[in-house]
C-alpha atoms as a PDB file:
ATOM      1  CA  PHE A   1     -57.384  97.397 124.203  1.00  0.00           C
ATOM      2  CA  VAL A   2     -60.017  96.621 126.801  1.00  0.00           C
ATOM      3  CA  GLY A   3     -58.108  94.060 128.799  1.00  0.00           C
ATOM      4  CA  GLY A   4     -56.195  90.844 128.690  1.00  0.00           C
ATOM      5  CA  SER A   5     -52.639  89.690 128.904  1.00  0.00           C
ATOM      6  CA  PRO A   6     -49.613  91.493 127.482  1.00  0.00           C
ATOM      7  CA  ALA A   7     -49.332  88.618 124.981  1.00  0.00           C
ATOM      8  CA  GLU A   8     -52.890  89.292 123.777  1.00  0.00           C
ATOM      9  CA  PHE A   9     -52.092  93.013 123.518  1.00  0.00           C
ATOM     10  CA  ALA A  10     -49.003  92.172 121.427  1.00  0.00           C
ATOM     11  CA  ARG A  11     -51.037  89.880 119.165  1.00  0.00           C
ATOM     12  CA  LYS A  12     -53.610  92.616 118.555  1.00  0.00           C
ATOM     13  CA  ARG A  13     -50.812  95.157 118.004  1.00  0.00           C
ATOM     14  CA  ASP A  14     -49.359  92.884 115.330  1.00  0.00           C
ATOM     15  CA  VAL A  15     -52.755  92.437 113.653  1.00  0.00           C
ATOM     16  CA  LEU A  16     -53.162  96.217 113.587  1.00  0.00           C
ATOM     17  CA  ALA A  17     -49.699  96.557 112.011  1.00  0.00           C
ATOM     18  CA  GLU A  18     -50.682  94.035 109.319  1.00  0.00           C
ATOM     19  CA  HIS A  19     -53.847  95.983 108.526  1.00  0.00           C
ATOM     20  CA  CYS A  20     -51.852  99.211 108.392  1.00  0.00           C
ATOM     21  CA  ALA A  21     -49.359  97.630 105.989  1.00  0.00           C
ATOM     22  CA  SER A  22     -52.181  96.482 103.715  1.00  0.00           C
ATOM     23  CA  VAL A  23     -53.426 100.066 103.319  1.00  0.00           C
ATOM     24  CA  GLY A  24     -50.041 101.791 103.361  1.00  0.00           C
ATOM     25  CA  ARG A  25     -50.375 103.452 106.754  1.00  0.00           C
ATOM     26  CA  ASP A  26     -47.569 103.792 109.271  1.00  0.00           C
ATOM     27  CA  PRO A  27     -48.761 102.023 112.455  1.00  0.00           C
ATOM     28  CA  LYS A  28     -46.676 104.445 114.520  1.00  0.00           C
ATOM     29  CA  GLN A  29     -49.272 107.095 113.635  1.00  0.00           C
ATOM     30  CA  ILE A  30     -51.737 105.241 115.871  1.00  0.00           C
ATOM     31  CA  MET A  31     -51.560 105.624 119.645  1.00  0.00           C
ATOM     32  CA  LEU A  32     -51.815 102.238 121.339  1.00  0.00           C
ATOM     33  CA  SER A  33     -53.880 102.418 124.508  1.00  0.00           C
ATOM     34  CA  ALA A  34     -55.214  99.938 127.025  1.00  0.00           C
ATOM     35  CA  HIS A  35     -57.528  99.815 130.001  1.00  0.00           C
ATOM     36  CA  VAL A  36     -55.749  99.011 133.261  1.00  0.00           C
ATOM     37  CA  ARG A  37     -57.912  98.262 136.283  1.00  0.00           C
ATOM     38  CA  LEU A  38     -57.248  99.297 139.855  1.00  0.00           C
ATOM     39  CA  SER A  39     -58.563  96.433 141.962  1.00  0.00           C
ATOM     40  CA  ALA A  40     -58.649  95.773 145.684  1.00  0.00           C
ATOM     41  CA  ASP A  41     -56.743  92.501 145.300  1.00  0.00           C
ATOM     42  CA  ARG A  42     -53.844  93.966 143.274  1.00  0.00           C
ATOM     43  CA  GLY A  43     -53.868  97.586 144.397  1.00  0.00           C
ATOM     44  CA  TYR A  44     -51.683 100.360 143.065  1.00  0.00           C
ATOM     45  CA  ARG A  45     -48.744  98.033 142.499  1.00  0.00           C
ATOM     46  CA  GLY A  46     -50.928  95.924 140.204  1.00  0.00           C
ATOM     47  CA  VAL A  47     -51.678  98.975 138.053  1.00  0.00           C
ATOM     48  CA  ILE A  48     -47.949  99.690 137.800  1.00  0.00           C
ATOM     49  CA  GLU A  49     -47.049  96.064 136.996  1.00  0.00           C
ATOM     50  CA  ASP A  50     -49.766  95.777 134.335  1.00  0.00           C
ATOM     51  CA  THR A  51     -48.717  99.057 132.742  1.00  0.00           C
ATOM     52  CA  ILE A  52     -45.037  98.107 132.684  1.00  0.00           C
ATOM     53  CA  ALA A  53     -45.859  94.732 131.101  1.00  0.00           C
ATOM     54  CA  LEU A  54     -48.053  96.360 128.449  1.00  0.00           C
ATOM     55  CA  GLY A  55     -45.451  99.079 127.901  1.00  0.00           C
ATOM     56  CA  ALA A  56     -42.916  96.406 127.045  1.00  0.00           C
ATOM     57  CA  GLN A  57     -45.293  95.414 124.223  1.00  0.00           C
ATOM     58  CA  GLY A  58     -45.640  98.939 122.836  1.00  0.00           C
ATOM     59  CA  LEU A  59     -48.347 100.561 124.970  1.00  0.00           C
ATOM     60  CA  ASP A  60     -48.449 104.350 124.554  1.00  0.00           C
ATOM     61  CA  LEU A  61     -51.285 105.240 126.939  1.00  0.00           C
ATOM     62  CA  ALA A  62     -52.790 103.455 129.945  1.00  0.00           C
ATOM     63  CA  ILE A  63     -56.340 104.369 130.947  1.00  0.00           C
ATOM     64  CA  VAL A  64     -56.866 103.511 134.613  1.00  0.00           C
ATOM     65  CA  TYR A  65     -60.314 102.287 135.624  1.00  0.00           C
ATOM     66  CA  LEU A  66     -61.304 102.759 139.249  1.00  0.00           C
ATOM     67  CA  PRO A  67     -63.267 100.254 141.321  1.00  0.00           C
ATOM     68  CA  VAL A  68     -66.891 100.807 142.261  1.00  0.00           C
ATOM     69  CA  PRO A  69     -67.897 102.639 144.330  1.00  0.00           C
ATOM     70  CA  HIS A  70     -65.863 105.400 142.708  1.00  0.00           C
ATOM     71  CA  ASP A  71     -63.947 107.186 145.423  1.00  0.00           C
ATOM     72  CA  PRO A  72     -61.772 110.191 144.597  1.00  0.00           C
ATOM     73  CA  ARG A  73     -59.566 109.379 147.594  1.00  0.00           C
ATOM     74  CA  VAL A  74     -57.798 106.736 145.490  1.00  0.00           C
ATOM     75  CA  LEU A  75     -56.512 109.346 143.033  1.00  0.00           C
ATOM     76  CA  GLU A  76     -53.759 110.883 145.139  1.00  0.00           C
ATOM     77  CA  PRO A  77     -52.148 107.558 146.130  1.00  0.00           C
ATOM     78  CA  LEU A  78     -52.545 106.315 142.548  1.00  0.00           C
ATOM     79  CA  ALA A  79     -50.836 109.435 141.201  1.00  0.00           C
ATOM     80  CA  GLY A  80     -48.048 108.970 143.746  1.00  0.00           C
ATOM     81  CA  ALA A  81     -47.557 105.332 142.756  1.00  0.00           C
ATOM     82  CA  ILE A  82     -47.372 106.286 139.078  1.00  0.00           C
ATOM     83  CA  ARG A  83     -44.947 109.132 139.805  1.00  0.00           C
ATOM     84  CA  ASP A  84     -42.730 106.957 142.007  1.00  0.00           C
ATOM     85  CA  SER A  85     -42.666 104.173 139.398  1.00  0.00           C
ATOM     86  CA  GLY A  86     -41.094 106.422 136.773  1.00  0.00           C
ATOM     87  CA  LEU A  87     -43.893 105.655 134.305  1.00  0.00           C
ATOM     88  CA  TRP A  88     -45.158 109.231 134.070  1.00  0.00           C
ATOM     89  CA  ARG A  89     -43.885 111.246 131.174  1.00  0.00           C
ATOM     90  CA  GLN A  90     -45.351 114.256 129.505  1.00  0.00           C
ATOM     91  CA  ASN A  91     -45.738 114.329 125.754  1.00  0.00           C
ATOM     92  CA  PRO A  92     -42.995 116.382 124.096  1.00  0.00           C
END
């Protein structure tokens, strides 16, 4: 999922489930992912809020896009925000 509201994510999730049902595939076999953007106006908290909202709709994996110019100095605070939010979990 390249972007949009949690409602749009849920709609596309449901369409995917319908397609899976039509071919006899379990939709839980498919990892649901989405792009989440780190932006100057929303900051780290925006990434967390977007991910939580998408997670409530079944998101399995958030892919965080960094603003241009790409600056590795954003990674440590981003990792801290994710850790502190409780979103981070390792796959079993």
